[in-house]
PDB file of N, CA and C in Angstrom:
ATOM      1  N   MET A   1      -3.609  -4.492 -11.500  1.00  0.00           N
ATOM      2  CA  MET A   1      -3.862  -5.849 -11.885  1.00  0.00           C
ATOM      3  C   MET A   1      -3.360  -6.840 -10.840  1.00  0.00           C
ATOM      4  N   GLU A   2      -2.567  -6.359  -9.879  1.00  0.00           N
ATOM      5  CA  GLU A   2      -2.088  -7.278  -8.856  1.00  0.00           C
ATOM      6  C   GLU A   2      -3.216  -7.842  -8.007  1.00  0.00           C
ATOM      7  N   SER A   3      -4.386  -7.182  -8.000  1.00  0.00           N
ATOM      8  CA  SER A   3      -5.498  -7.696  -7.192  1.00  0.00           C
ATOM      9  C   SER A   3      -6.110  -8.962  -7.795  1.00  0.00           C
ATOM     10  N   ILE A   4      -5.871  -9.224  -9.078  1.00  0.00           N
ATOM     11  CA  ILE A   4      -6.405 -10.448  -9.691  1.00  0.00           C
ATOM     12  C   ILE A   4      -5.301 -11.457 -10.008  1.00  0.00           C
ATOM     13  N   TRP A   5      -4.087 -11.205  -9.533  1.00  0.00           N
ATOM     14  CA  TRP A   5      -2.985 -12.127  -9.754  1.00  0.00           C
ATOM     15  C   TRP A   5      -3.291 -13.437  -9.049  1.00  0.00           C
ATOM     16  N   ARG A   6      -3.051 -14.533  -9.726  1.00  0.00           N
ATOM     17  CA  ARG A   6      -3.304 -15.838  -9.114  1.00  0.00           C
ATOM     18  C   ARG A   6      -2.079 -16.733  -9.282  1.00  0.00           C
ATOM     19  N   PRO A   7      -1.326 -16.936  -8.231  1.00  0.00           N
ATOM     20  CA  PRO A   7      -0.144 -17.786  -8.316  1.00  0.00           C
ATOM     21  C   PRO A   7      -0.488 -19.262  -8.433  1.00  0.00           C
ATOM     22  N   TYR A   8      -1.720 -19.606  -8.140  1.00  0.00           N
ATOM     23  CA  TYR A   8      -2.172 -20.997  -8.214  1.00  0.00           C
ATOM     24  C   TYR A   8      -2.711 -21.274  -9.606  1.00  0.00           C
ATOM     25  N   ALA A   9      -2.208 -22.291 -10.282  1.00  0.00           N
ATOM     26  CA  ALA A   9      -2.597 -22.579 -11.659  1.00  0.00           C
ATOM     27  C   ALA A   9      -3.843 -23.465 -11.754  1.00  0.00           C
ATOM     28  N   GLY A  10      -4.302 -24.008 -10.651  1.00  0.00           N
ATOM     29  CA  GLY A  10      -5.461 -24.896 -10.676  1.00  0.00           C
ATOM     30  C   GLY A  10      -6.779 -24.132 -10.680  1.00  0.00           C
ATOM     31  N   ASP A  11      -7.847 -24.873 -10.508  1.00  0.00           N
ATOM     32  CA  ASP A  11      -9.183 -24.304 -10.479  1.00  0.00           C
ATOM     33  C   ASP A  11      -9.342 -23.449  -9.215  1.00  0.00           C
ATOM     34  N   ALA A  12      -9.640 -22.179  -9.379  1.00  0.00           N
ATOM     35  CA  ALA A  12      -9.765 -21.281  -8.229  1.00  0.00           C
ATOM     36  C   ALA A  12     -10.844 -20.235  -8.504  1.00  0.00           C
ATOM     37  N   HIS A  13     -11.379 -19.680  -7.455  1.00  0.00           N
ATOM     38  CA  HIS A  13     -12.350 -18.583  -7.532  1.00  0.00           C
ATOM     39  C   HIS A  13     -11.614 -17.325  -7.080  1.00  0.00           C
ATOM     40  N   ILE A  14     -11.460 -16.358  -7.968  1.00  0.00           N
ATOM     41  CA  ILE A  14     -10.753 -15.105  -7.669  1.00  0.00           C
ATOM     42  C   ILE A  14     -11.713 -14.143  -6.977  1.00  0.00           C
ATOM     43  N   ILE A  15     -11.297 -13.552  -5.877  1.00  0.00           N
ATOM     44  CA  ILE A  15     -12.074 -12.504  -5.198  1.00  0.00           C
ATOM     45  C   ILE A  15     -11.171 -11.292  -5.100  1.00  0.00           C
ATOM     46  N   ALA A  16     -11.621 -10.172  -5.675  1.00  0.00           N
ATOM     47  CA  ALA A  16     -10.792  -8.969  -5.712  1.00  0.00           C
ATOM     48  C   ALA A  16     -11.639  -7.738  -5.415  1.00  0.00           C
ATOM     49  N   GLY A  17     -11.010  -6.761  -4.785  1.00  0.00           N
ATOM     50  CA  GLY A  17     -11.677  -5.502  -4.506  1.00  0.00           C
ATOM     51  C   GLY A  17     -11.191  -4.413  -5.446  1.00  0.00           C
ATOM     52  N   PHE A  18     -12.038  -3.422  -5.674  1.00  0.00           N
ATOM     53  CA  PHE A  18     -11.671  -2.286  -6.508  1.00  0.00           C
ATOM     54  C   PHE A  18     -12.419  -1.051  -6.035  1.00  0.00           C
ATOM     55  N   VAL A  19     -11.944   0.115  -6.443  1.00  0.00           N
ATOM     56  CA  VAL A  19     -12.584   1.378  -6.076  1.00  0.00           C
ATOM     57  C   VAL A  19     -13.054   2.112  -7.322  1.00  0.00           C
ATOM     58  N   HIS A  20     -12.179   2.244  -8.297  1.00  0.00           N
ATOM     59  CA  HIS A  20     -12.494   3.032  -9.487  1.00  0.00           C
ATOM     60  C   HIS A  20     -13.204   2.177 -10.529  1.00  0.00           C
ATOM     61  N   PRO A  21     -14.348   2.635 -11.065  1.00  0.00           N
ATOM     62  CA  PRO A  21     -15.140   1.843 -12.004  1.00  0.00           C
ATOM     63  C   PRO A  21     -14.372   1.270 -13.204  1.00  0.00           C
ATOM     64  N   PRO A  22     -13.422   1.980 -13.825  1.00  0.00           N
ATOM     65  CA  PRO A  22     -12.724   1.363 -14.961  1.00  0.00           C
ATOM     66  C   PRO A  22     -11.947   0.093 -14.587  1.00  0.00           C
ATOM     67  N   THR A  23     -11.561  -0.027 -13.335  1.00  0.00           N
ATOM     68  CA  THR A  23     -10.812  -1.205 -12.889  1.00  0.00           C
ATOM     69  C   THR A  23     -11.638  -2.469 -13.048  1.00  0.00           C
ATOM     70  N   GLU A  24     -12.925  -2.385 -12.794  1.00  0.00           N
ATOM     71  CA  GLU A  24     -13.795  -3.559 -12.920  1.00  0.00           C
ATOM     72  C   GLU A  24     -13.792  -4.080 -14.354  1.00  0.00           C
ATOM     73  N   ALA A  25     -14.014  -3.202 -15.308  1.00  0.00           N
ATOM     74  CA  ALA A  25     -14.065  -3.617 -16.717  1.00  0.00           C
ATOM     75  C   ALA A  25     -12.715  -4.148 -17.192  1.00  0.00           C
ATOM     76  N   MET A  26     -11.626  -3.482 -16.820  1.00  0.00           N
ATOM     77  CA  MET A  26     -10.294  -3.942 -17.232  1.00  0.00           C
ATOM     78  C   MET A  26      -9.979  -5.311 -16.635  1.00  0.00           C
ATOM     79  N   SER A  27     -10.379  -5.526 -15.397  1.00  0.00           N
ATOM     80  CA  SER A  27     -10.124  -6.809 -14.747  1.00  0.00           C
ATOM     81  C   SER A  27     -10.940  -7.919 -15.397  1.00  0.00           C
ATOM     82  N   GLN A  28     -12.190  -7.624 -15.764  1.00  0.00           N
ATOM     83  CA  GLN A  28     -13.018  -8.616 -16.437  1.00  0.00           C
ATOM     84  C   GLN A  28     -12.386  -9.041 -17.759  1.00  0.00           C
ATOM     85  N   VAL A  29     -11.900  -8.084 -18.536  1.00  0.00           N
ATOM     86  CA  VAL A  29     -11.249  -8.394 -19.811  1.00  0.00           C
ATOM     87  C   VAL A  29      -9.997  -9.240 -19.582  1.00  0.00           C
ATOM     88  N   ALA A  30      -9.188  -8.851 -18.607  1.00  0.00           N
ATOM     89  CA  ALA A  30      -7.956  -9.588 -18.316  1.00  0.00           C
ATOM     90  C   ALA A  30      -8.265 -11.031 -17.906  1.00  0.00           C
ATOM     91  N   LEU A  31      -9.285 -11.223 -17.071  1.00  0.00           N
ATOM     92  CA  LEU A  31      -9.635 -12.574 -16.632  1.00  0.00           C
ATOM     93  C   LEU A  31     -10.187 -13.405 -17.789  1.00  0.00           C
ATOM     94  N   GLU A  32     -10.936 -12.784 -18.688  1.00  0.00           N
ATOM     95  CA  GLU A  32     -11.427 -13.498 -19.866  1.00  0.00           C
ATOM     96  C   GLU A  32     -10.259 -13.945 -20.748  1.00  0.00           C
ATOM     97  N   LEU A  33      -9.248 -13.094 -20.890  1.00  0.00           N
ATOM     98  CA  LEU A  33      -8.096 -13.431 -21.735  1.00  0.00           C
ATOM     99  C   LEU A  33      -7.335 -14.657 -21.225  1.00  0.00           C
ATOM    100  N   ILE A  34      -7.323 -14.840 -19.901  1.00  0.00           N
ATOM    101  CA  ILE A  34      -6.634 -16.012 -19.356  1.00  0.00           C
ATOM    102  C   ILE A  34      -7.627 -17.111 -18.969  1.00  0.00           C
ATOM    103  N   GLU A  35      -8.852 -16.969 -19.465  1.00  0.00           N
ATOM    104  CA  GLU A  35      -9.909 -17.976 -19.334  1.00  0.00           C
ATOM    105  C   GLU A  35     -10.284 -18.323 -17.897  1.00  0.00           C
ATOM    106  N   VAL A  36     -10.301 -17.307 -17.037  1.00  0.00           N
ATOM    107  CA  VAL A  36     -10.802 -17.479 -15.665  1.00  0.00           C
ATOM    108  C   VAL A  36     -12.296 -17.202 -15.701  1.00  0.00           C
ATOM    109  N   LYS A  37     -13.077 -18.165 -15.247  1.00  0.00           N
ATOM    110  CA  LYS A  37     -14.531 -18.027 -15.314  1.00  0.00           C
ATOM    111  C   LYS A  37     -15.179 -17.747 -13.954  1.00  0.00           C
ATOM    112  N   LYS A  38     -14.473 -18.090 -12.881  1.00  0.00           N
ATOM    113  CA  LYS A  38     -15.048 -17.906 -11.544  1.00  0.00           C
ATOM    114  C   LYS A  38     -14.345 -16.756 -10.836  1.00  0.00           C
ATOM    115  N   TYR A  39     -15.069 -15.657 -10.668  1.00  0.00           N
ATOM    116  CA  TYR A  39     -14.506 -14.520  -9.946  1.00  0.00           C
ATOM    117  C   TYR A  39     -15.615 -13.681  -9.336  1.00  0.00           C
ATOM    118  N   THR A  40     -15.259 -12.945  -8.301  1.00  0.00           N
ATOM    119  CA  THR A  40     -16.170 -12.026  -7.625  1.00  0.00           C
ATOM    120  C   THR A  40     -15.412 -10.731  -7.388  1.00  0.00           C
ATOM    121  N   PHE A  41     -16.053  -9.609  -7.725  1.00  0.00           N
ATOM    122  CA  PHE A  41     -15.471  -8.296  -7.451  1.00  0.00           C
ATOM    123  C   PHE A  41     -16.279  -7.622  -6.357  1.00  0.00           C
ATOM    124  N   VAL A  42     -15.586  -6.930  -5.462  1.00  0.00           N
ATOM    125  CA  VAL A  42     -16.228  -6.191  -4.382  1.00  0.00           C
ATOM    126  C   VAL A  42     -15.862  -4.727  -4.561  1.00  0.00           C
ATOM    127  N   LYS A  43     -16.879  -3.869  -4.722  1.00  0.00           N
ATOM    128  CA  LYS A  43     -16.623  -2.437  -4.895  1.00  0.00           C
ATOM    129  C   LYS A  43     -16.534  -1.776  -3.535  1.00  0.00           C
ATOM    130  N   GLY A  44     -15.430  -1.082  -3.296  1.00  0.00           N
ATOM    131  CA  GLY A  44     -15.231  -0.368  -2.045  1.00  0.00           C
ATOM    132  C   GLY A  44     -15.342   1.135  -2.245  1.00  0.00           C
ATOM    133  N   LEU A  45     -15.128   1.867  -1.181  1.00  0.00           N
ATOM    134  CA  LEU A  45     -15.160   3.325  -1.219  1.00  0.00           C
ATOM    135  C   LEU A  45     -13.737   3.852  -1.106  1.00  0.00           C
ATOM    136  N   GLU A  46     -13.459   4.930  -1.767  1.00  0.00           N
ATOM    137  CA  GLU A  46     -12.123   5.542  -1.733  1.00  0.00           C
ATOM    138  C   GLU A  46     -11.750   5.877  -0.296  1.00  0.00           C
ATOM    139  N   GLY A  47     -10.633   5.338   0.169  1.00  0.00           N
ATOM    140  CA  GLY A  47     -10.139   5.665   1.504  1.00  0.00           C
ATOM    141  C   GLY A  47     -10.918   5.042   2.650  1.00  0.00           C
ATOM    142  N   SER A  48     -11.752   4.061   2.345  1.00  0.00           N
ATOM    143  CA  SER A  48     -12.575   3.461   3.390  1.00  0.00           C
ATOM    144  C   SER A  48     -12.350   1.957   3.440  1.00  0.00           C
ATOM    145  N   CYS A  49     -12.313   1.419   4.616  1.00  0.00           N
ATOM    146  CA  CYS A  49     -12.195  -0.046   4.742  1.00  0.00           C
ATOM    147  C   CYS A  49     -13.555  -0.685   4.992  1.00  0.00           C
ATOM    148  N   ASP A  50     -14.621   0.108   5.111  1.00  0.00           N
ATOM    149  CA  ASP A  50     -15.959  -0.404   5.394  1.00  0.00           C
ATOM    150  C   ASP A  50     -16.849  -0.309   4.165  1.00  0.00           C
ATOM    151  N   LEU A  51     -17.618  -1.356   3.924  1.00  0.00           N
ATOM    152  CA  LEU A  51     -18.602  -1.344   2.844  1.00  0.00           C
ATOM    153  C   LEU A  51     -19.933  -0.833   3.391  1.00  0.00           C
ATOM    154  N   PRO A  52     -20.701  -0.073   2.591  1.00  0.00           N
ATOM    155  CA  PRO A  52     -22.014   0.356   3.053  1.00  0.00           C
ATOM    156  C   PRO A  52     -22.956  -0.840   3.160  1.00  0.00           C
ATOM    157  N   ARG A  53     -23.919  -0.734   4.039  1.00  0.00           N
ATOM    158  CA  ARG A  53     -24.890  -1.837   4.193  1.00  0.00           C
ATOM    159  C   ARG A  53     -26.013  -1.671   3.224  1.00  0.00           C
TER     160      ARG A  53
END
């Protein structure tokens, strides 16, 4: 959950990366609970720093 931590209390757009599919759903629920509406998730590959084209 540290990837969606936001120390700024104002209006912000969260951008977070994840690898394992359950992380996406858990993060969406967590952001809904704290009423964050603007966010983007980027799915990466295990052990890779490059995204496929």
